[in-house]
Amino acid sequence: MSRSGSVAEELERLYAEGTTSVLVEGGAKLLQSFIDAGLWDMMRVETSPLTLGEGVKAPKVDKIPSQSLTIDNNRIDYFVRDGLLGVKNL
């Protein structure tokens, strides 16, 4: 189904229909648009030490991770949006 509203309008429509959680996976442009618009609560960023060559830059997050860990040489950073109540550790 095709929609023509803004991302914020579509999220409001989904919420009105009872949707309370949305997983966004996409390219850098899509993800950066959600970050820039403040349309996120939590995010997980995985970084691998493996370099595959030239590519698209990852989205920019101007925050310090609330938690970080390493699994199999991959760094996983967890970010929580300011003002999100009740979330201390993920």
Protein backbone atom coordinates (compact mmCIF):
# COMPACT_ATOMS: atom_id res chain seq x y z
CA MET A 1 0.00 0.00 0.00
CA SER A 2 1.45 3.34 -1.01
CA ARG A 3 1.35 6.31 1.38
CA SER A 4 2.05 9.94 0.64
CA GLY A 5 2.25 11.45 4.16
CA SER A 6 5.41 12.47 5.97
CA VAL A 7 7.19 9.93 8.13
CA ALA A 8 5.90 11.69 11.27
CA GLU A 9 2.33 11.59 9.92
CA GLU A 10 2.62 7.90 9.10
CA LEU A 11 3.96 7.13 12.58
CA GLU A 12 1.06 9.07 14.11
CA ARG A 13 -1.38 7.07 11.97
CA LEU A 14 0.22 3.78 13.04
CA TYR A 15 0.03 4.82 16.69
CA ALA A 16 -3.65 5.74 16.31
CA GLU A 17 -4.21 2.24 14.91
CA GLY A 18 -2.57 0.67 17.97
CA THR A 19 1.01 0.17 16.79
CA THR A 20 3.41 1.06 19.62
CA SER A 21 6.72 -0.19 18.26
CA VAL A 22 8.36 0.13 14.84
CA LEU A 23 11.67 -1.41 13.75
CA VAL A 24 13.40 0.69 11.11
CA GLU A 25 16.08 -0.98 9.04
CA GLY A 26 17.33 0.79 6.00
CA GLY A 27 20.07 2.65 4.28
CA ALA A 28 21.95 5.62 5.64
CA LYS A 29 19.56 8.18 4.16
CA LEU A 30 16.43 6.61 5.69
CA LEU A 31 18.04 6.10 9.08
CA GLN A 32 19.50 9.62 9.14
CA SER A 33 16.06 11.08 8.35
CA PHE A 34 14.62 9.39 11.47
CA ILE A 35 17.58 10.55 13.59
CA ASP A 36 17.40 14.15 12.32
CA ALA A 37 13.64 14.33 12.91
CA GLY A 38 13.99 12.94 16.45
CA LEU A 39 11.74 10.02 15.51
CA TRP A 40 13.54 7.39 17.52
CA ASP A 41 13.62 6.19 21.14
CA MET A 42 16.36 3.56 21.13
CA MET A 43 18.89 2.34 18.61
CA ARG A 44 21.56 -0.31 18.35
CA VAL A 45 24.62 0.31 16.19
CA GLU A 46 26.86 -2.61 15.28
CA THR A 47 30.38 -1.92 14.04
CA SER A 48 32.59 -4.61 12.56
CA PRO A 49 36.38 -4.38 12.28
CA LEU A 50 36.07 -5.84 8.76
CA THR A 51 36.47 -3.28 5.97
CA LEU A 52 34.83 -4.14 2.66
CA GLY A 53 36.05 -1.11 0.71
CA GLU A 54 34.38 2.11 -0.37
CA GLY A 55 30.76 2.62 0.53
CA VAL A 56 28.11 4.89 1.96
CA LYS A 57 28.90 6.59 5.26
CA ALA A 58 26.89 5.42 8.25
CA PRO A 59 24.32 7.74 9.84
CA LYS A 60 25.63 10.19 12.45
CA VAL A 61 24.47 9.95 16.06
CA ASP A 62 25.55 12.91 18.21
CA LYS A 63 25.24 11.06 21.52
CA ILE A 64 27.37 8.94 23.79
CA PRO A 65 26.17 5.33 23.92
CA SER A 66 24.30 4.40 27.09
CA GLN A 67 25.88 0.94 26.89
CA SER A 68 28.51 -0.77 24.73
CA LEU A 69 29.69 -4.33 24.44
CA THR A 70 31.77 -6.49 22.13
CA ILE A 71 30.68 -9.81 20.67
CA ASP A 72 32.96 -11.73 18.30
CA ASN A 73 35.06 -8.58 17.61
CA ASN A 74 31.93 -6.58 16.72
CA ARG A 75 31.22 -3.50 18.82
CA ILE A 76 27.57 -2.96 19.72
CA ASP A 77 26.56 0.50 20.97
CA TYR A 78 23.13 1.16 22.47
CA PHE A 79 21.70 4.68 22.35
CA VAL A 80 18.67 6.04 24.20
CA ARG A 81 17.00 9.31 23.19
CA ASP A 82 17.06 12.09 25.81
CA GLY A 83 13.92 12.23 27.89
CA LEU A 84 13.01 8.57 27.52
CA LEU A 85 11.90 7.63 31.03
CA GLY A 86 12.60 4.33 32.72
CA VAL A 87 15.40 3.11 30.43
CA LYS A 88 18.74 2.82 32.17
CA ASN A 89 20.40 -0.25 30.70
CA LEU A 90 19.46 -2.20 27.63
